């Protein structure tokens, strides 16, 4: 659930100033909420499913939602949020126009 990405000295980068920490458990609610409906998805009416907000469809939309969500942003230092947003948007620019297969090849080469 926790991944610490490698650092780099490429372009004179200082590894001491680089930290990319990814926490995969953030999707779990830290508190138990009694107001959450306990309904099986297959038993839900169409109206009930319409009322459920959807997840972001891509990274661009996810970053936009993060920027709007003051609660989630408040869990992290502002500089970390800004850096995360900037890095992810730079990654999107770096693969803009590539096919999904080419994007996957880039990821494999990087990691």
N, C-alpha and C. Protein backbone atom coordinates (compact mmCIF):
# COMPACT_ATOMS: atom_id res chain seq x y z
N UNK A 1 0.80 -1.20 0.00
CA UNK A 1 0.00 0.00 0.00
C UNK A 1 0.84 1.26 0.00
N UNK A 2 2.14 1.12 0.21
CA UNK A 2 3.02 2.27 0.24
C UNK A 2 4.16 2.03 -0.73
N UNK A 3 4.43 3.02 -1.58
CA UNK A 3 5.51 2.88 -2.55
C UNK A 3 6.38 4.12 -2.49
N UNK A 4 7.66 3.93 -2.36
CA UNK A 4 8.62 5.02 -2.39
C UNK A 4 9.38 4.90 -3.70
N UNK A 5 9.23 5.89 -4.54
CA UNK A 5 9.83 5.85 -5.88
C UNK A 5 11.31 6.20 -5.83
N UNK A 6 12.06 5.70 -6.80
CA UNK A 6 13.50 5.98 -6.83
C UNK A 6 13.80 7.44 -7.11
N UNK A 7 14.96 7.86 -6.66
CA UNK A 7 15.44 9.22 -6.93
C UNK A 7 16.39 9.19 -8.12
N UNK A 8 16.78 10.38 -8.58
CA UNK A 8 17.63 10.44 -9.76
C UNK A 8 18.60 11.62 -9.67
N UNK A 9 19.74 11.44 -10.29
CA UNK A 9 20.71 12.53 -10.39
C UNK A 9 20.76 13.08 -11.81
N UNK A 10 19.83 12.62 -12.67
CA UNK A 10 19.78 13.08 -14.05
C UNK A 10 19.61 14.60 -14.08
N UNK A 11 20.38 15.25 -14.92
CA UNK A 11 20.28 16.71 -15.05
C UNK A 11 20.75 17.45 -13.81
N UNK A 12 21.57 16.80 -12.99
CA UNK A 12 22.09 17.46 -11.79
C UNK A 12 21.12 17.44 -10.63
N UNK A 13 20.08 16.61 -10.70
CA UNK A 13 19.10 16.54 -9.62
C UNK A 13 19.72 16.06 -8.32
N UNK A 14 19.24 16.60 -7.23
CA UNK A 14 19.73 16.26 -5.90
C UNK A 14 18.79 15.24 -5.28
N UNK A 15 19.21 13.98 -5.14
CA UNK A 15 18.33 12.95 -4.58
C UNK A 15 17.81 13.30 -3.18
N UNK A 16 18.58 14.08 -2.43
CA UNK A 16 18.14 14.45 -1.08
C UNK A 16 16.88 15.32 -1.12
N UNK A 17 16.64 15.97 -2.25
CA UNK A 17 15.48 16.85 -2.38
C UNK A 17 14.31 16.15 -3.08
N UNK A 18 14.47 14.87 -3.40
CA UNK A 18 13.44 14.15 -4.16
C UNK A 18 12.78 13.11 -3.27
N UNK A 19 11.49 13.17 -3.23
CA UNK A 19 10.74 12.14 -2.53
C UNK A 19 9.38 12.01 -3.19
N UNK A 20 9.09 10.83 -3.67
CA UNK A 20 7.78 10.55 -4.25
C UNK A 20 7.22 9.37 -3.48
N UNK A 21 6.31 9.69 -2.59
CA UNK A 21 5.69 8.68 -1.74
C UNK A 21 4.25 8.49 -2.19
N UNK A 22 3.88 7.26 -2.52
CA UNK A 22 2.52 6.98 -2.97
C UNK A 22 1.85 6.06 -1.97
N UNK A 23 0.69 6.49 -1.50
CA UNK A 23 -0.07 5.73 -0.53
C UNK A 23 -1.33 5.20 -1.19
N UNK A 24 -1.43 3.88 -1.31
CA UNK A 24 -2.55 3.27 -2.00
C UNK A 24 -3.76 3.00 -1.13
N UNK A 25 -3.66 3.25 0.17
CA UNK A 25 -4.77 2.98 1.06
C UNK A 25 -5.70 4.16 1.27
N UNK A 26 -5.47 5.25 0.57
CA UNK A 26 -6.26 6.46 0.79
C UNK A 26 -7.72 6.30 0.38
N UNK A 27 -8.01 5.30 -0.44
CA UNK A 27 -9.39 5.13 -0.86
C UNK A 27 -10.26 4.54 0.25
N UNK A 28 -9.65 4.06 1.32
CA UNK A 28 -10.41 3.49 2.42
C UNK A 28 -10.79 4.60 3.40
N UNK A 29 -12.03 4.61 3.80
CA UNK A 29 -12.52 5.61 4.73
C UNK A 29 -11.90 5.38 6.11
N UNK A 30 -11.33 6.41 6.72
CA UNK A 30 -10.69 6.24 8.03
C UNK A 30 -11.71 6.13 9.17
N UNK A 31 -12.98 6.43 8.92
CA UNK A 31 -14.00 6.35 9.97
C UNK A 31 -15.15 5.50 9.48
N UNK A 32 -15.83 4.89 10.44
CA UNK A 32 -17.02 4.11 10.11
C UNK A 32 -18.22 5.03 10.13
N UNK A 33 -18.94 5.10 9.03
CA UNK A 33 -20.08 6.00 8.94
C UNK A 33 -21.37 5.20 9.00
N UNK A 34 -22.23 5.58 9.94
CA UNK A 34 -23.51 4.89 10.08
C UNK A 34 -24.51 5.32 9.02
N UNK A 35 -24.28 6.49 8.38
CA UNK A 35 -25.25 6.99 7.41
C UNK A 35 -25.05 6.40 6.01
N UNK A 36 -24.05 5.55 5.84
CA UNK A 36 -23.81 4.93 4.54
C UNK A 36 -24.81 3.79 4.35
N UNK A 37 -25.52 3.83 3.24
CA UNK A 37 -26.51 2.79 2.96
C UNK A 37 -25.81 1.46 2.73
N UNK A 38 -26.39 0.43 3.28
CA UNK A 38 -25.84 -0.90 3.09
C UNK A 38 -26.76 -1.64 2.12
N UNK A 39 -26.52 -1.43 0.83
CA UNK A 39 -27.36 -1.99 -0.23
C UNK A 39 -26.45 -2.70 -1.22
N UNK A 40 -26.86 -3.88 -1.64
CA UNK A 40 -26.11 -4.58 -2.67
C UNK A 40 -26.32 -3.86 -4.00
N UNK A 41 -25.28 -3.64 -4.79
CA UNK A 41 -25.42 -2.91 -6.05
C UNK A 41 -26.49 -3.50 -6.97
N UNK A 42 -26.58 -4.82 -7.01
CA UNK A 42 -27.57 -5.42 -7.92
C UNK A 42 -29.01 -5.22 -7.46
N UNK A 43 -29.20 -4.79 -6.20
CA UNK A 43 -30.55 -4.54 -5.68
C UNK A 43 -30.93 -3.06 -5.77
N UNK A 44 -30.04 -2.23 -6.26
CA UNK A 44 -30.31 -0.79 -6.30
C UNK A 44 -31.23 -0.44 -7.46
N UNK A 45 -32.03 0.60 -7.22
CA UNK A 45 -32.88 1.12 -8.29
C UNK A 45 -32.05 2.01 -9.20
N UNK A 46 -32.57 2.31 -10.37
CA UNK A 46 -31.84 3.20 -11.29
C UNK A 46 -31.61 4.57 -10.66
N UNK A 47 -32.60 5.08 -9.91
CA UNK A 47 -32.44 6.39 -9.24
C UNK A 47 -31.31 6.35 -8.23
N UNK A 48 -31.21 5.26 -7.46
CA UNK A 48 -30.13 5.14 -6.48
C UNK A 48 -28.77 5.15 -7.16
N UNK A 49 -28.64 4.47 -8.27
CA UNK A 49 -27.34 4.44 -8.95
C UNK A 49 -27.02 5.79 -9.60
N UNK A 50 -28.05 6.53 -10.00
CA UNK A 50 -27.83 7.85 -10.61
C UNK A 50 -27.30 8.84 -9.58
N UNK A 51 -27.67 8.65 -8.32
CA UNK A 51 -27.26 9.58 -7.26
C UNK A 51 -25.83 9.36 -6.79
N UNK A 52 -25.20 8.29 -7.21
CA UNK A 52 -23.83 7.99 -6.78
C UNK A 52 -22.86 8.76 -7.66
N UNK A 53 -22.00 9.59 -7.05
CA UNK A 53 -21.03 10.31 -7.89
C UNK A 53 -20.04 9.33 -8.51
N UNK A 54 -19.68 9.58 -9.75
CA UNK A 54 -18.74 8.71 -10.45
C UNK A 54 -17.30 9.02 -10.09
N UNK A 55 -16.44 8.07 -10.34
CA UNK A 55 -15.01 8.28 -10.18
C UNK A 55 -14.49 9.03 -11.39
N UNK A 56 -13.38 9.73 -11.24
CA UNK A 56 -12.78 10.40 -12.41
C UNK A 56 -12.49 9.39 -13.51
N UNK A 57 -12.68 9.81 -14.75
CA UNK A 57 -12.49 8.91 -15.88
C UNK A 57 -11.04 8.81 -16.33
N UNK A 58 -10.23 9.80 -15.96
CA UNK A 58 -8.82 9.78 -16.35
C UNK A 58 -8.02 10.62 -15.36
N UNK A 59 -6.71 10.63 -15.56
CA UNK A 59 -5.83 11.35 -14.64
C UNK A 59 -6.10 12.85 -14.65
N UNK A 60 -6.38 13.42 -15.80
CA UNK A 60 -6.66 14.85 -15.88
C UNK A 60 -7.84 15.21 -15.00
N UNK A 61 -8.91 14.45 -15.12
CA UNK A 61 -10.10 14.71 -14.31
C UNK A 61 -9.82 14.48 -12.82
N UNK A 62 -9.03 13.46 -12.50
CA UNK A 62 -8.68 13.18 -11.10
C UNK A 62 -7.89 14.34 -10.50
N UNK A 63 -6.97 14.91 -11.26
CA UNK A 63 -6.20 16.05 -10.77
C UNK A 63 -7.09 17.27 -10.56
N UNK A 64 -8.04 17.48 -11.46
CA UNK A 64 -8.98 18.59 -11.31
C UNK A 64 -9.83 18.41 -10.04
N UNK A 65 -10.27 17.18 -9.79
CA UNK A 65 -11.06 16.90 -8.60
C UNK A 65 -10.23 17.10 -7.33
N UNK A 66 -8.97 16.70 -7.36
CA UNK A 66 -8.09 16.92 -6.22
C UNK A 66 -7.95 18.41 -5.93
N UNK A 67 -7.77 19.20 -6.96
CA UNK A 67 -7.65 20.65 -6.76
C UNK A 67 -8.88 21.25 -6.12
N UNK A 68 -10.06 20.71 -6.44
CA UNK A 68 -11.31 21.24 -5.91
C UNK A 68 -11.62 20.74 -4.49
N UNK A 69 -11.02 19.62 -4.09
CA UNK A 69 -11.38 18.98 -2.83
C UNK A 69 -10.51 19.51 -1.67
N UNK A 70 -11.05 20.49 -0.96
CA UNK A 70 -10.29 21.11 0.13
C UNK A 70 -10.04 20.14 1.28
N UNK A 71 -10.94 19.18 1.48
CA UNK A 71 -10.76 18.21 2.56
C UNK A 71 -9.53 17.34 2.30
N UNK A 72 -9.50 16.73 1.13
CA UNK A 72 -8.37 15.85 0.80
C UNK A 72 -7.07 16.64 0.73
N UNK A 73 -7.09 17.81 0.11
CA UNK A 73 -5.87 18.63 0.05
C UNK A 73 -5.38 18.98 1.45
N UNK A 74 -6.31 19.12 2.38
CA UNK A 74 -5.93 19.47 3.75
C UNK A 74 -5.18 18.37 4.49
N UNK A 75 -5.21 17.15 3.97
CA UNK A 75 -4.48 16.05 4.59
C UNK A 75 -2.97 16.14 4.36
N UNK A 76 -2.56 16.97 3.41
CA UNK A 76 -1.16 17.03 3.00
C UNK A 76 -0.66 18.47 3.04
N UNK A 77 0.64 18.66 3.20
CA UNK A 77 1.19 20.02 3.12
C UNK A 77 0.94 20.62 1.74
N UNK A 78 0.61 21.90 1.66
CA UNK A 78 0.31 22.53 0.37
C UNK A 78 1.40 22.34 -0.67
N UNK A 79 2.67 22.42 -0.26
CA UNK A 79 3.77 22.24 -1.23
C UNK A 79 3.78 20.83 -1.83
N UNK A 80 3.41 19.84 -1.02
CA UNK A 80 3.37 18.47 -1.53
C UNK A 80 2.25 18.30 -2.55
N UNK A 81 1.08 18.88 -2.26
CA UNK A 81 -0.04 18.81 -3.20
C UNK A 81 0.32 19.50 -4.51
N UNK A 82 0.89 20.69 -4.42
CA UNK A 82 1.26 21.45 -5.63
C UNK A 82 2.29 20.68 -6.44
N UNK A 83 3.28 20.10 -5.77
CA UNK A 83 4.31 19.33 -6.46
C UNK A 83 3.70 18.11 -7.14
N UNK A 84 2.82 17.41 -6.42
CA UNK A 84 2.16 16.24 -7.00
C UNK A 84 1.39 16.62 -8.26
N UNK A 85 0.60 17.68 -8.17
CA UNK A 85 -0.18 18.14 -9.32
C UNK A 85 0.73 18.52 -10.49
N UNK A 86 1.80 19.25 -10.20
CA UNK A 86 2.73 19.68 -11.25
C UNK A 86 3.42 18.49 -11.92
N UNK A 87 3.86 17.52 -11.11
CA UNK A 87 4.56 16.35 -11.66
C UNK A 87 3.61 15.52 -12.52
N UNK A 88 2.41 15.27 -12.02
CA UNK A 88 1.46 14.46 -12.79
C UNK A 88 1.06 15.15 -14.09
N UNK A 89 0.91 16.47 -14.06
CA UNK A 89 0.57 17.19 -15.30
C UNK A 89 1.76 17.18 -16.27
N UNK A 90 2.97 17.23 -15.75
CA UNK A 90 4.16 17.13 -16.61
C UNK A 90 4.22 15.73 -17.25
N UNK A 91 3.88 14.70 -16.47
CA UNK A 91 3.85 13.35 -17.03
C UNK A 91 2.81 13.24 -18.15
N UNK A 92 1.65 13.85 -17.94
CA UNK A 92 0.63 13.84 -19.00
C UNK A 92 1.12 14.52 -20.26
N UNK A 93 1.80 15.65 -20.10
CA UNK A 93 2.35 16.35 -21.28
C UNK A 93 3.40 15.49 -21.98
N UNK A 94 4.18 14.75 -21.20
CA UNK A 94 5.26 13.93 -21.77
C UNK A 94 4.73 12.79 -22.62
N UNK A 95 3.52 12.33 -22.35
CA UNK A 95 2.97 11.21 -23.13
C UNK A 95 1.81 11.64 -24.03
N UNK A 96 1.58 12.92 -24.11
CA UNK A 96 0.49 13.43 -24.94
C UNK A 96 0.68 12.99 -26.39
N UNK A 97 -0.37 12.44 -26.97
CA UNK A 97 -0.33 12.01 -28.36
C UNK A 97 0.19 10.60 -28.57
N UNK A 98 0.66 9.95 -27.52
CA UNK A 98 1.13 8.57 -27.65
C UNK A 98 -0.03 7.60 -27.54
N UNK A 99 0.10 6.46 -28.17
CA UNK A 99 -0.92 5.42 -28.05
C UNK A 99 -0.82 4.80 -26.66
N UNK A 100 -1.89 4.11 -26.20
CA UNK A 100 -1.81 3.44 -24.90
C UNK A 100 -0.63 2.47 -24.81
N UNK A 101 -0.34 1.76 -25.89
CA UNK A 101 0.79 0.83 -25.88
C UNK A 101 2.12 1.57 -25.69
N UNK A 102 2.26 2.74 -26.35
CA UNK A 102 3.49 3.52 -26.20
C UNK A 102 3.61 4.08 -24.78
N UNK A 103 2.49 4.48 -24.19
CA UNK A 103 2.51 4.97 -22.80
C UNK A 103 2.95 3.84 -21.87
N UNK A 104 2.41 2.64 -22.07
CA UNK A 104 2.80 1.49 -21.25
C UNK A 104 4.29 1.19 -21.39
N UNK A 105 4.81 1.27 -22.61
CA UNK A 105 6.26 1.03 -22.82
C UNK A 105 7.08 2.06 -22.04
N UNK A 106 6.64 3.31 -22.05
CA UNK A 106 7.37 4.36 -21.29
C UNK A 106 7.36 4.05 -19.79
N UNK A 107 6.20 3.62 -19.29
CA UNK A 107 6.11 3.28 -17.87
C UNK A 107 7.00 2.10 -17.51
N UNK A 108 7.01 1.08 -18.36
CA UNK A 108 7.87 -0.06 -18.13
C UNK A 108 9.34 0.36 -18.11
N UNK A 109 9.73 1.24 -19.03
CA UNK A 109 11.11 1.71 -19.07
C UNK A 109 11.46 2.53 -17.84
N UNK A 110 10.49 3.29 -17.32
CA UNK A 110 10.76 4.16 -16.17
C UNK A 110 10.79 3.39 -14.86
N UNK A 111 9.97 2.37 -14.78
CA UNK A 111 9.86 1.67 -13.49
C UNK A 111 10.31 0.24 -13.59
